[in-house]
N, C-alpha and C. Protein backbone atom coordinates (compact mmCIF):
# COMPACT_ATOMS: atom_id res chain seq x y z
N MET A 1 5.32 -7.96 -12.34
CA MET A 1 5.47 -7.77 -13.76
C MET A 1 4.08 -7.21 -14.08
N GLN A 2 2.99 -7.87 -13.72
CA GLN A 2 1.61 -7.46 -13.98
C GLN A 2 1.31 -6.14 -13.97
N LEU A 3 1.84 -5.40 -12.93
CA LEU A 3 1.51 -3.87 -12.68
C LEU A 3 2.34 -3.03 -13.35
N ILE A 4 3.35 -3.48 -14.07
CA ILE A 4 4.20 -2.40 -14.63
C ILE A 4 3.57 -2.15 -16.05
N ALA A 5 2.89 -3.03 -16.60
CA ALA A 5 2.24 -2.86 -17.89
C ALA A 5 1.01 -2.31 -17.76
N ARG A 6 0.46 -1.89 -16.58
CA ARG A 6 -0.91 -1.21 -16.56
C ARG A 6 -0.87 0.31 -16.73
N SER A 7 -2.17 0.96 -17.07
CA SER A 7 -2.11 2.04 -16.97
C SER A 7 -2.08 3.01 -15.80
N ARG A 8 -1.88 4.30 -15.79
CA ARG A 8 -1.78 5.14 -14.72
C ARG A 8 -3.35 4.88 -13.95
N THR A 9 -4.34 5.00 -14.90
CA THR A 9 -5.65 4.82 -14.17
C THR A 9 -5.76 3.46 -13.53
N ASP A 10 -5.36 2.36 -14.18
CA ASP A 10 -5.49 1.19 -13.40
C ASP A 10 -4.84 0.89 -12.09
N ILE A 11 -3.63 1.61 -12.33
CA ILE A 11 -2.82 1.55 -10.93
C ILE A 11 -3.41 2.48 -9.98
N SER A 12 -3.90 3.46 -10.29
CA SER A 12 -4.57 4.49 -9.30
C SER A 12 -5.82 3.65 -8.62
N ARG A 13 -6.57 2.96 -9.55
CA ARG A 13 -7.78 2.41 -8.90
C ARG A 13 -7.41 1.33 -7.99
N LEU A 14 -6.25 0.37 -8.39
CA LEU A 14 -5.89 -0.58 -7.40
C LEU A 14 -5.17 -0.12 -6.28
N LEU A 15 -4.58 1.08 -6.07
CA LEU A 15 -4.08 1.61 -5.02
C LEU A 15 -5.13 2.26 -4.10
N ALA A 16 -6.26 2.84 -4.74
CA ALA A 16 -7.30 3.49 -4.10
C ALA A 16 -8.03 2.19 -3.20
N VAL A 17 -8.23 0.99 -3.93
CA VAL A 17 -8.85 0.00 -3.37
C VAL A 17 -8.22 -0.72 -2.23
N MET A 18 -6.80 -0.85 -2.54
CA MET A 18 -5.76 -1.60 -1.40
C MET A 18 -5.63 -0.61 -0.27
N THR A 19 -5.74 0.79 -0.35
CA THR A 19 -5.50 1.44 0.79
C THR A 19 -6.74 2.03 1.31
N GLY A 20 -8.01 1.79 0.89
CA GLY A 20 -9.16 2.26 1.22
C GLY A 20 -9.50 3.73 0.92
N HIS A 21 -8.69 4.48 0.30
CA HIS A 21 -8.71 5.77 0.01
C HIS A 21 -9.54 6.19 -1.38
N TRP A 22 -10.85 5.86 -1.33
CA TRP A 22 -11.69 6.23 -2.44
C TRP A 22 -13.09 6.13 -1.65
N LEU A 23 -13.83 6.76 -2.53
CA LEU A 23 -15.35 7.20 -1.98
C LEU A 23 -16.21 6.32 -1.59
N ILE A 24 -15.94 5.38 -0.43
CA ILE A 24 -16.47 4.46 0.21
C ILE A 24 -16.74 4.72 1.65
N GLY A 25 -17.99 4.44 2.12
CA GLY A 25 -18.10 4.63 3.62
C GLY A 25 -17.63 5.75 4.31
N VAL A 26 -16.89 5.22 5.23
CA VAL A 26 -16.49 6.54 6.28
C VAL A 26 -15.20 7.57 5.62
N HIS A 27 -14.57 6.86 4.74
CA HIS A 27 -13.56 7.69 4.03
C HIS A 27 -14.23 8.82 3.18
N SER A 28 -15.35 8.73 2.76
CA SER A 28 -15.87 9.71 2.01
C SER A 28 -16.50 10.77 3.10
N GLY A 29 -16.73 10.45 4.15
CA GLY A 29 -17.11 11.35 5.36
C GLY A 29 -15.86 12.28 5.66
N ARG A 30 -14.79 11.71 5.78
CA ARG A 30 -13.50 12.38 6.12
C ARG A 30 -13.09 13.48 4.92
N LEU A 31 -13.67 13.06 3.78
CA LEU A 31 -13.18 14.19 2.67
C LEU A 31 -14.62 15.11 2.81
N GLY A 32 -15.58 15.10 3.56
CA GLY A 32 -16.48 16.06 3.69
C GLY A 32 -17.67 15.58 2.66
N LEU A 33 -17.73 14.41 2.08
CA LEU A 33 -18.66 14.01 1.17
C LEU A 33 -19.65 13.27 1.84
N PRO A 34 -20.96 13.21 1.29
CA PRO A 34 -21.84 12.27 1.83
C PRO A 34 -21.49 10.93 1.82
N PHE A 35 -21.87 10.28 2.70
CA PHE A 35 -21.86 8.74 2.58
C PHE A 35 -22.86 7.97 3.52
N ASN A 36 -22.63 6.59 3.43
CA ASN A 36 -23.59 5.62 4.14
C ASN A 36 -23.05 4.90 5.06
N HIS A 37 -23.47 4.73 6.05
CA HIS A 37 -23.18 3.81 7.29
C HIS A 37 -23.34 2.55 6.95
N TYR A 38 -24.39 2.22 5.92
CA TYR A 38 -24.71 0.76 5.51
C TYR A 38 -23.97 0.63 4.25
N TYR A 39 -24.02 -0.71 3.83
CA TYR A 39 -23.47 -0.77 2.48
C TYR A 39 -24.64 -0.90 1.43
N ARG A 40 -24.16 -0.04 0.33
CA ARG A 40 -25.35 0.36 -0.73
C ARG A 40 -25.67 -0.84 -1.71
N SER A 41 -24.91 -1.75 -1.98
CA SER A 41 -25.17 -2.75 -2.95
C SER A 41 -26.12 -3.79 -2.45
N CYS A 42 -25.83 -4.33 -1.23
CA CYS A 42 -26.86 -5.25 -0.49
C CYS A 42 -27.48 -4.57 0.43
N LYS A 43 -27.75 -3.40 0.60
CA LYS A 43 -28.60 -2.66 1.53
C LYS A 43 -28.71 -3.27 2.94
N ASP A 44 -27.65 -4.03 3.30
CA ASP A 44 -27.53 -4.43 4.70
C ASP A 44 -27.41 -3.42 5.69
N ARG A 45 -28.02 -2.97 6.46
CA ARG A 45 -27.77 -1.84 7.43
C ARG A 45 -26.87 -2.29 8.47
N ARG A 46 -26.72 -3.65 8.72
CA ARG A 46 -25.93 -4.24 9.66
C ARG A 46 -24.23 -4.23 9.45
N LYS A 47 -24.34 -4.10 7.92
CA LYS A 47 -22.92 -3.92 7.44
C LYS A 47 -22.33 -2.58 7.15
N GLU A 48 -21.29 -2.16 7.65
CA GLU A 48 -20.83 -0.88 7.46
C GLU A 48 -20.00 -1.09 6.07
N GLU A 49 -20.36 0.09 5.21
CA GLU A 49 -19.49 0.14 3.93
C GLU A 49 -18.03 0.05 3.89
N THR A 50 -17.28 -0.94 3.87
CA THR A 50 -16.15 -1.06 3.96
C THR A 50 -15.40 -1.63 2.39
N VAL A 51 -14.25 -1.43 2.42
CA VAL A 51 -13.16 -2.09 1.32
C VAL A 51 -13.75 -3.86 1.60
N PHE A 52 -13.36 -4.04 2.89
CA PHE A 52 -13.45 -5.82 3.33
C PHE A 52 -14.80 -6.44 2.81
N HIS A 53 -15.94 -5.44 2.90
CA HIS A 53 -17.23 -5.89 2.80
C HIS A 53 -17.41 -5.98 1.05
N PHE A 54 -16.90 -5.04 0.29
CA PHE A 54 -17.06 -4.91 -0.88
C PHE A 54 -16.22 -5.96 -1.65
N LEU A 55 -15.01 -6.42 -1.34
CA LEU A 55 -14.23 -7.33 -1.86
C LEU A 55 -14.40 -8.78 -1.38
N CYS A 56 -14.72 -8.87 -0.28
CA CYS A 56 -14.86 -10.23 0.58
C CYS A 56 -16.30 -10.70 0.74
N GLU A 57 -17.17 -9.91 1.15
CA GLU A 57 -18.55 -10.55 1.70
C GLU A 57 -19.64 -10.08 1.12
N CYS A 58 -19.84 -9.23 0.45
CA CYS A 58 -20.98 -8.62 -0.08
C CYS A 58 -21.88 -9.75 -1.03
N PRO A 59 -23.06 -10.05 -0.27
CA PRO A 59 -23.98 -11.21 -1.18
C PRO A 59 -24.25 -10.38 -2.52
N ALA A 60 -24.53 -9.20 -2.51
CA ALA A 60 -24.99 -8.60 -3.87
C ALA A 60 -23.99 -8.78 -5.04
N LEU A 61 -22.74 -8.94 -4.51
CA LEU A 61 -21.49 -8.88 -5.56
C LEU A 61 -21.05 -10.31 -5.62
N ALA A 62 -21.55 -11.21 -4.97
CA ALA A 62 -21.07 -12.60 -5.25
C ALA A 62 -20.96 -13.21 -6.40
N VAL A 63 -21.86 -13.06 -7.28
CA VAL A 63 -21.71 -13.62 -8.62
C VAL A 63 -20.71 -13.06 -9.43
N ARG A 64 -20.47 -11.77 -9.24
CA ARG A 64 -19.41 -10.98 -10.01
C ARG A 64 -18.14 -11.18 -9.46
N LYS A 65 -17.91 -11.63 -8.32
CA LYS A 65 -16.74 -12.21 -7.62
C LYS A 65 -16.32 -13.56 -8.23
N LYS A 66 -17.58 -14.42 -8.10
CA LYS A 66 -17.39 -15.62 -8.83
C LYS A 66 -16.68 -15.44 -10.20
N THR A 67 -17.35 -14.80 -10.88
CA THR A 67 -17.04 -14.57 -12.36
C THR A 67 -15.70 -14.06 -12.56
N PHE A 68 -15.26 -13.21 -11.96
CA PHE A 68 -13.67 -12.56 -12.16
C PHE A 68 -12.77 -12.87 -11.23
N LEU A 69 -13.13 -13.46 -10.15
CA LEU A 69 -12.33 -13.82 -9.17
C LEU A 69 -12.06 -15.22 -8.57
N GLY A 70 -13.32 -15.96 -9.18
CA GLY A 70 -13.22 -17.36 -9.02
C GLY A 70 -13.79 -17.78 -7.82
N ARG A 71 -14.29 -16.90 -6.84
CA ARG A 71 -15.00 -17.41 -5.69
C ARG A 71 -16.01 -16.48 -5.34
N TYR A 72 -17.24 -16.95 -4.72
CA TYR A 72 -18.45 -16.20 -4.07
C TYR A 72 -18.03 -15.19 -3.17
N MET A 73 -17.11 -15.77 -2.24
CA MET A 73 -16.97 -14.85 -0.78
C MET A 73 -15.41 -15.27 -0.77
N PHE A 74 -14.83 -14.33 0.13
CA PHE A 74 -13.38 -14.44 0.58
C PHE A 74 -13.48 -14.20 2.16
N SER A 75 -12.81 -15.28 2.99
CA SER A 75 -12.74 -15.08 4.62
C SER A 75 -11.82 -13.81 4.72
N ASN A 76 -10.94 -13.47 4.07
CA ASN A 76 -10.09 -12.29 4.39
C ASN A 76 -9.56 -11.66 3.15
N LEU A 77 -8.91 -10.52 3.42
CA LEU A 77 -8.33 -9.74 2.37
C LEU A 77 -7.01 -10.48 1.77
N SER A 78 -6.33 -11.22 2.55
CA SER A 78 -5.14 -11.81 2.28
C SER A 78 -5.56 -13.00 1.04
N GLU A 79 -6.77 -13.51 1.02
CA GLU A 79 -7.10 -14.45 0.26
C GLU A 79 -7.15 -14.05 -1.14
N LEU A 80 -7.39 -12.69 -1.36
CA LEU A 80 -7.28 -12.07 -2.63
C LEU A 80 -5.82 -11.91 -3.39
N SER A 81 -4.80 -12.18 -2.69
CA SER A 81 -3.64 -12.03 -3.15
C SER A 81 -3.19 -12.93 -4.24
N GLU A 82 -4.20 -14.20 -4.06
CA GLU A 82 -4.12 -15.10 -5.23
C GLU A 82 -4.42 -14.77 -6.51
N SER A 83 -5.43 -13.57 -6.54
CA SER A 83 -6.08 -13.32 -7.72
C SER A 83 -5.07 -12.41 -8.61
N ARG A 84 -5.28 -12.45 -10.00
CA ARG A 84 -4.41 -11.69 -10.90
C ARG A 84 -4.90 -10.35 -10.91
N ILE A 85 -4.08 -9.36 -11.16
CA ILE A 85 -4.48 -7.95 -11.16
C ILE A 85 -5.39 -7.77 -11.95
N GLY A 86 -5.24 -8.25 -13.43
CA GLY A 86 -6.22 -8.08 -14.45
C GLY A 86 -7.65 -8.69 -14.03
N ASP A 87 -7.66 -9.62 -13.31
CA ASP A 87 -8.95 -10.02 -12.92
C ASP A 87 -9.84 -9.27 -12.00
N LEU A 88 -8.86 -9.02 -11.03
CA LEU A 88 -9.25 -7.80 -10.14
C LEU A 88 -9.78 -6.60 -10.48
N LEU A 89 -9.11 -6.10 -11.53
CA LEU A 89 -9.52 -4.63 -12.33
C LEU A 89 -10.89 -5.15 -13.05
N ARG A 90 -11.17 -6.35 -13.66
CA ARG A 90 -12.17 -6.58 -14.43
C ARG A 90 -13.42 -6.53 -13.36
N TYR A 91 -13.18 -7.02 -12.12
CA TYR A 91 -14.15 -7.03 -11.23
C TYR A 91 -14.67 -5.62 -10.55
N LEU A 92 -13.56 -4.73 -10.46
CA LEU A 92 -13.68 -3.54 -10.02
C LEU A 92 -14.54 -2.56 -11.13
N THR A 93 -14.32 -2.92 -12.50
CA THR A 93 -15.00 -2.44 -13.60
C THR A 93 -16.64 -2.90 -13.70
N ALA A 94 -16.59 -4.14 -13.40
CA ALA A 94 -17.95 -4.61 -13.51
C ALA A 94 -18.88 -4.33 -12.25
N THR A 95 -18.41 -4.08 -11.15
CA THR A 95 -19.22 -3.47 -10.33
C THR A 95 -19.48 -2.14 -10.38
N GLY A 96 -18.93 -1.55 -11.10
CA GLY A 96 -19.13 0.25 -11.00
C GLY A 96 -18.80 1.08 -10.07
N TRP A 97 -17.95 0.36 -8.91
CA TRP A 97 -17.94 1.30 -7.81
C TRP A 97 -16.69 2.20 -8.07
N ILE A 98 -15.64 1.87 -8.62
CA ILE A 98 -14.47 2.57 -8.94
C ILE A 98 -13.90 2.47 -10.34
């Protein structure tokens, strides 16, 4: 029910994050756009810029995750299924990534 009340923009943002089809990491390269092999928020060159790192483990976004999603880190993406759609959208907006 939470999804039905959302705007097309919100639904598009959620689907982009869920599928990994947005301008992050290697997907940008597949579209012929410049991309980074490392994660831009935390500048960790050992971590590839992925949706998993963005949503679950990036230390640079930990406070925002705690504020909007209730936890500093997530071990896997399935743990995010407990989050409300509105909270996830607020997190996405606060990061400025999508």
